[in-house]
């Protein structure tokens, strides 16, 4: 899964490759890091928040942004979150999952 943020922040975050449950990242389309713009875009969409050099993505936003998916997808998403939790990449309340950010067009 990739959360794509057009223009590195001013654009509305979109979920790409929702079927790829083997990886999770944020791609901000900007030539150089623009953390403040990225933070505002994610928060305005309810998608998550910037924390240092990574992002905490909202799990319910990810599910919603994935659109209509079958039970196999939901089961796979739950397994992905369980793996992330074992790595310490899920918030204590289970509502957010950590993702790295890549910058570039």
N, C-alpha and C. Protein backbone atom coordinates (compact mmCIF):
# COMPACT_ATOMS: atom_id res chain seq x y z
N UNK A 1 0.85 -1.17 0.00
CA UNK A 1 0.00 0.00 0.00
C UNK A 1 0.90 1.24 0.00
N UNK A 2 0.47 2.21 -0.75
CA UNK A 2 1.19 3.48 -0.78
C UNK A 2 0.16 4.60 -0.63
N UNK A 3 0.40 5.46 0.34
CA UNK A 3 -0.41 6.67 0.45
C UNK A 3 0.35 7.72 -0.34
N UNK A 4 -0.24 8.16 -1.42
CA UNK A 4 0.38 9.14 -2.31
C UNK A 4 -0.17 10.52 -1.99
N UNK A 5 0.74 11.46 -1.79
CA UNK A 5 0.34 12.83 -1.50
C UNK A 5 0.86 13.73 -2.62
N UNK A 6 -0.03 14.17 -3.51
CA UNK A 6 0.39 15.02 -4.63
C UNK A 6 1.02 16.31 -4.13
N UNK A 7 1.99 16.79 -4.85
CA UNK A 7 2.65 18.06 -4.55
C UNK A 7 3.30 18.07 -3.17
N UNK A 8 3.52 16.92 -2.59
CA UNK A 8 4.20 16.85 -1.30
C UNK A 8 3.42 17.41 -0.13
N UNK A 9 2.17 17.77 -0.34
CA UNK A 9 1.41 18.29 0.79
C UNK A 9 0.15 19.02 0.44
N UNK A 10 0.16 19.95 -0.50
CA UNK A 10 -1.09 20.66 -0.76
C UNK A 10 -2.20 19.77 -1.31
N UNK A 11 -1.82 18.68 -1.99
CA UNK A 11 -2.81 17.80 -2.58
C UNK A 11 -3.47 16.89 -1.56
N UNK A 12 -4.57 16.27 -1.96
CA UNK A 12 -5.32 15.37 -1.09
C UNK A 12 -4.68 13.98 -1.14
N UNK A 13 -4.39 13.38 0.00
CA UNK A 13 -3.80 12.03 0.02
C UNK A 13 -4.72 11.01 -0.65
N UNK A 14 -4.09 10.09 -1.37
CA UNK A 14 -4.81 9.03 -2.08
C UNK A 14 -4.13 7.70 -1.76
N UNK A 15 -4.90 6.65 -1.70
CA UNK A 15 -4.34 5.33 -1.47
C UNK A 15 -4.13 4.64 -2.81
N UNK A 16 -2.88 4.27 -3.08
CA UNK A 16 -2.53 3.52 -4.29
C UNK A 16 -2.10 2.12 -3.89
N UNK A 17 -2.26 1.18 -4.79
CA UNK A 17 -1.84 -0.21 -4.60
C UNK A 17 -2.38 -0.81 -3.30
N UNK A 18 -3.65 -0.60 -3.05
CA UNK A 18 -4.28 -1.12 -1.83
C UNK A 18 -4.19 -2.63 -1.75
N UNK A 19 -4.05 -3.28 -2.90
CA UNK A 19 -3.98 -4.75 -2.90
C UNK A 19 -2.62 -5.26 -2.43
N UNK A 20 -1.60 -4.39 -2.38
CA UNK A 20 -0.26 -4.79 -1.95
C UNK A 20 -0.16 -4.65 -0.44
N UNK A 21 -0.46 -5.72 0.27
CA UNK A 21 -0.46 -5.69 1.73
C UNK A 21 0.88 -6.11 2.32
N UNK A 22 1.88 -6.22 1.48
CA UNK A 22 3.21 -6.60 1.95
C UNK A 22 4.07 -5.43 2.33
N UNK A 23 3.61 -4.22 2.07
CA UNK A 23 4.39 -3.03 2.38
C UNK A 23 3.45 -1.85 2.58
N UNK A 24 3.90 -0.89 3.36
CA UNK A 24 3.11 0.31 3.61
C UNK A 24 4.06 1.49 3.66
N UNK A 25 3.77 2.51 2.87
CA UNK A 25 4.60 3.70 2.87
C UNK A 25 3.79 4.91 2.43
N UNK A 26 4.40 6.07 2.60
CA UNK A 26 3.83 7.32 2.13
C UNK A 26 4.80 7.87 1.09
N UNK A 27 4.27 8.25 -0.07
CA UNK A 27 5.10 8.88 -1.09
C UNK A 27 4.59 10.29 -1.29
N UNK A 28 5.45 11.24 -0.95
CA UNK A 28 5.11 12.65 -1.09
C UNK A 28 5.79 13.17 -2.34
N UNK A 29 5.00 13.62 -3.29
CA UNK A 29 5.53 14.08 -4.57
C UNK A 29 6.07 15.49 -4.44
N UNK A 30 7.31 15.56 -4.01
CA UNK A 30 8.00 16.85 -3.89
C UNK A 30 9.48 16.59 -4.05
N UNK A 31 10.17 17.54 -4.65
CA UNK A 31 11.59 17.38 -4.87
C UNK A 31 12.41 17.36 -3.61
N UNK A 32 11.93 18.01 -2.58
CA UNK A 32 12.63 18.02 -1.30
C UNK A 32 11.59 17.91 -0.18
N UNK A 33 12.00 17.44 0.98
CA UNK A 33 11.04 17.29 2.08
C UNK A 33 10.33 18.59 2.44
N UNK A 34 9.01 18.47 2.56
CA UNK A 34 8.15 19.59 2.96
C UNK A 34 7.24 19.05 4.06
N UNK A 35 7.83 18.76 5.20
CA UNK A 35 7.14 18.08 6.30
C UNK A 35 5.89 18.82 6.77
N UNK A 36 5.95 20.13 6.87
CA UNK A 36 4.80 20.88 7.36
C UNK A 36 3.61 20.76 6.41
N UNK A 37 3.86 20.85 5.11
CA UNK A 37 2.78 20.70 4.13
C UNK A 37 2.22 19.28 4.16
N UNK A 38 3.10 18.31 4.26
CA UNK A 38 2.66 16.91 4.33
C UNK A 38 1.79 16.70 5.56
N UNK A 39 2.21 17.23 6.68
CA UNK A 39 1.46 17.10 7.92
C UNK A 39 0.06 17.70 7.79
N UNK A 40 -0.01 18.89 7.24
CA UNK A 40 -1.32 19.54 7.08
C UNK A 40 -2.23 18.75 6.16
N UNK A 41 -1.69 18.23 5.06
CA UNK A 41 -2.50 17.46 4.11
C UNK A 41 -3.05 16.19 4.75
N UNK A 42 -2.19 15.46 5.47
CA UNK A 42 -2.63 14.23 6.12
C UNK A 42 -3.67 14.50 7.19
N UNK A 43 -3.42 15.51 8.02
CA UNK A 43 -4.37 15.82 9.09
C UNK A 43 -5.70 16.32 8.55
N UNK A 44 -5.67 17.15 7.50
CA UNK A 44 -6.92 17.67 6.92
C UNK A 44 -7.77 16.55 6.35
N UNK A 45 -7.14 15.51 5.82
CA UNK A 45 -7.87 14.38 5.24
C UNK A 45 -8.27 13.35 6.28
N UNK A 46 -7.75 13.49 7.50
CA UNK A 46 -8.00 12.48 8.52
C UNK A 46 -7.18 11.22 8.29
N UNK A 47 -6.12 11.35 7.49
CA UNK A 47 -5.31 10.19 7.10
C UNK A 47 -4.21 9.87 8.10
N UNK A 48 -3.77 10.85 8.86
CA UNK A 48 -2.69 10.58 9.81
C UNK A 48 -1.96 11.83 10.20
N UNK A 49 -0.75 11.62 10.76
CA UNK A 49 0.04 12.76 11.19
C UNK A 49 1.53 12.44 11.09
N UNK A 50 2.30 13.48 10.87
CA UNK A 50 3.75 13.35 10.81
C UNK A 50 4.28 13.30 12.24
N UNK A 51 5.27 12.42 12.45
CA UNK A 51 5.94 12.32 13.75
C UNK A 51 7.42 12.08 13.46
N UNK A 52 8.21 13.12 13.57
CA UNK A 52 9.63 12.99 13.24
C UNK A 52 9.80 12.81 11.75
N UNK A 53 10.49 11.74 11.36
CA UNK A 53 10.71 11.49 9.94
C UNK A 53 9.87 10.33 9.42
N UNK A 54 8.75 10.08 10.07
CA UNK A 54 7.80 9.06 9.60
C UNK A 54 6.38 9.58 9.81
N UNK A 55 5.42 8.76 9.46
CA UNK A 55 4.01 9.14 9.55
C UNK A 55 3.25 8.06 10.30
N UNK A 56 2.32 8.46 11.14
CA UNK A 56 1.35 7.54 11.75
C UNK A 56 0.07 7.66 10.94
N UNK A 57 -0.28 6.60 10.21
CA UNK A 57 -1.49 6.59 9.39
C UNK A 57 -2.67 6.04 10.17
N UNK A 58 -3.82 6.64 9.93
CA UNK A 58 -5.05 6.22 10.60
C UNK A 58 -5.57 4.94 9.95
N UNK A 59 -5.72 3.89 10.74
CA UNK A 59 -6.14 2.59 10.23
C UNK A 59 -7.53 2.68 9.60
N UNK A 60 -8.45 3.39 10.21
CA UNK A 60 -9.80 3.48 9.64
C UNK A 60 -9.78 4.25 8.32
N UNK A 61 -8.90 5.24 8.19
CA UNK A 61 -8.78 5.96 6.92
C UNK A 61 -8.26 5.01 5.83
N UNK A 62 -7.27 4.20 6.18
CA UNK A 62 -6.73 3.25 5.20
C UNK A 62 -7.82 2.30 4.72
N UNK A 63 -8.61 1.76 5.65
CA UNK A 63 -9.70 0.86 5.26
C UNK A 63 -10.71 1.56 4.35
N UNK A 64 -11.07 2.77 4.73
CA UNK A 64 -12.04 3.53 3.94
C UNK A 64 -11.48 3.88 2.56
N UNK A 65 -10.22 4.33 2.52
CA UNK A 65 -9.61 4.73 1.26
C UNK A 65 -9.42 3.54 0.32
N UNK A 66 -9.34 2.33 0.86
CA UNK A 66 -9.18 1.13 0.04
C UNK A 66 -10.44 0.81 -0.75
N UNK A 67 -11.55 1.40 -0.38
CA UNK A 67 -12.79 1.17 -1.11
C UNK A 67 -13.41 -0.18 -0.78
N UNK A 68 -14.28 -0.62 -1.65
CA UNK A 68 -15.00 -1.87 -1.45
C UNK A 68 -14.07 -3.04 -1.70
N UNK A 69 -13.77 -3.78 -0.67
CA UNK A 69 -12.85 -4.92 -0.77
C UNK A 69 -13.52 -6.17 -0.21
N UNK A 70 -13.06 -7.32 -0.70
CA UNK A 70 -13.65 -8.57 -0.23
C UNK A 70 -13.04 -8.98 1.12
N UNK A 71 -13.59 -10.05 1.68
CA UNK A 71 -13.15 -10.50 3.00
C UNK A 71 -11.68 -10.92 3.01
N UNK A 72 -11.21 -11.49 1.90
CA UNK A 72 -9.79 -11.87 1.82
C UNK A 72 -8.89 -10.65 2.02
N UNK A 73 -9.26 -9.54 1.41
CA UNK A 73 -8.46 -8.32 1.57
C UNK A 73 -8.47 -7.88 3.04
N UNK A 74 -9.64 -7.86 3.65
CA UNK A 74 -9.75 -7.43 5.05
C UNK A 74 -8.94 -8.35 5.97
N UNK A 75 -8.97 -9.65 5.69
CA UNK A 75 -8.17 -10.59 6.47
C UNK A 75 -6.68 -10.30 6.29
N UNK A 76 -6.27 -10.04 5.06
CA UNK A 76 -4.87 -9.72 4.79
C UNK A 76 -4.44 -8.42 5.44
N UNK A 77 -5.33 -7.44 5.44
CA UNK A 77 -5.04 -6.16 6.09
C UNK A 77 -4.85 -6.36 7.59
N UNK A 78 -5.69 -7.19 8.18
CA UNK A 78 -5.57 -7.49 9.61
C UNK A 78 -4.24 -8.19 9.90
N UNK A 79 -3.84 -9.10 9.02
CA UNK A 79 -2.54 -9.76 9.19
C UNK A 79 -1.39 -8.76 9.06
N UNK A 80 -1.51 -7.83 8.13
CA UNK A 80 -0.49 -6.80 7.96
C UNK A 80 -0.35 -5.98 9.24
N UNK A 81 -1.48 -5.60 9.82
CA UNK A 81 -1.45 -4.82 11.06
C UNK A 81 -0.86 -5.64 12.21
N UNK A 82 -1.16 -6.93 12.26
CA UNK A 82 -0.60 -7.78 13.31
C UNK A 82 0.92 -7.86 13.18
N UNK A 83 1.40 -7.98 11.96
CA UNK A 83 2.85 -7.98 11.74
C UNK A 83 3.46 -6.65 12.19
N UNK A 84 2.82 -5.55 11.79
CA UNK A 84 3.31 -4.23 12.18
C UNK A 84 3.31 -4.07 13.70
N UNK A 85 2.30 -4.60 14.36
CA UNK A 85 2.22 -4.52 15.83
C UNK A 85 3.39 -5.25 16.47
N UNK A 86 3.74 -6.41 15.92
CA UNK A 86 4.88 -7.17 16.46
C UNK A 86 6.19 -6.40 16.33
N UNK A 87 6.26 -5.50 15.35
CA UNK A 87 7.45 -4.69 15.13
C UNK A 87 7.43 -3.40 15.94
N UNK A 88 6.30 -3.13 16.61
CA UNK A 88 6.16 -1.89 17.36
C UNK A 88 5.70 -0.72 16.51
N UNK A 89 5.10 -1.02 15.37
CA UNK A 89 4.69 0.01 14.42
C UNK A 89 3.20 0.33 14.47
N UNK A 90 2.52 -0.10 15.50
CA UNK A 90 1.09 0.20 15.68
C UNK A 90 0.95 0.93 17.01
N UNK A 91 0.12 1.97 17.02
CA UNK A 91 -0.09 2.75 18.24
C UNK A 91 -0.69 1.87 19.33
N UNK A 92 -0.54 2.30 20.57
CA UNK A 92 -1.03 1.53 21.72
C UNK A 92 -2.52 1.23 21.61
N UNK A 93 -3.29 2.15 21.04
CA UNK A 93 -4.73 1.94 20.93
C UNK A 93 -5.12 1.18 19.65
N UNK A 94 -4.14 0.86 18.80
CA UNK A 94 -4.41 0.12 17.57
C UNK A 94 -5.00 0.95 16.46
N UNK A 95 -5.13 2.24 16.66
CA UNK A 95 -5.78 3.10 15.67
C UNK A 95 -4.87 3.66 14.60
N UNK A 96 -3.55 3.54 14.80
CA UNK A 96 -2.61 4.09 13.83
C UNK A 96 -1.47 3.12 13.58
N UNK A 97 -0.95 3.19 12.37
CA UNK A 97 0.17 2.36 11.98
C UNK A 97 1.26 3.25 11.38
N UNK A 98 2.48 2.92 11.72
CA UNK A 98 3.63 3.74 11.31
C UNK A 98 4.06 3.40 9.89
N UNK A 99 4.42 4.43 9.13
CA UNK A 99 4.91 4.24 7.77
C UNK A 99 6.06 5.19 7.50
N UNK A 100 6.99 4.73 6.67
CA UNK A 100 8.08 5.62 6.28
C UNK A 100 7.63 6.51 5.13
N UNK A 101 8.36 7.59 4.92
CA UNK A 101 8.02 8.57 3.88
C UNK A 101 9.14 8.60 2.86
N UNK A 102 8.77 8.57 1.59
CA UNK A 102 9.74 8.81 0.53
C UNK A 102 9.32 10.08 -0.20
N UNK A 103 10.29 10.83 -0.62
CA UNK A 103 10.06 12.11 -1.31
C UNK A 103 10.51 11.98 -2.75
N UNK A 104 9.71 12.46 -3.65
CA UNK A 104 10.06 12.44 -5.06
C UNK A 104 8.83 12.37 -5.92
N UNK A 105 9.00 12.66 -7.13
CA UNK A 105 7.87 12.67 -8.07
C UNK A 105 7.70 11.31 -8.61
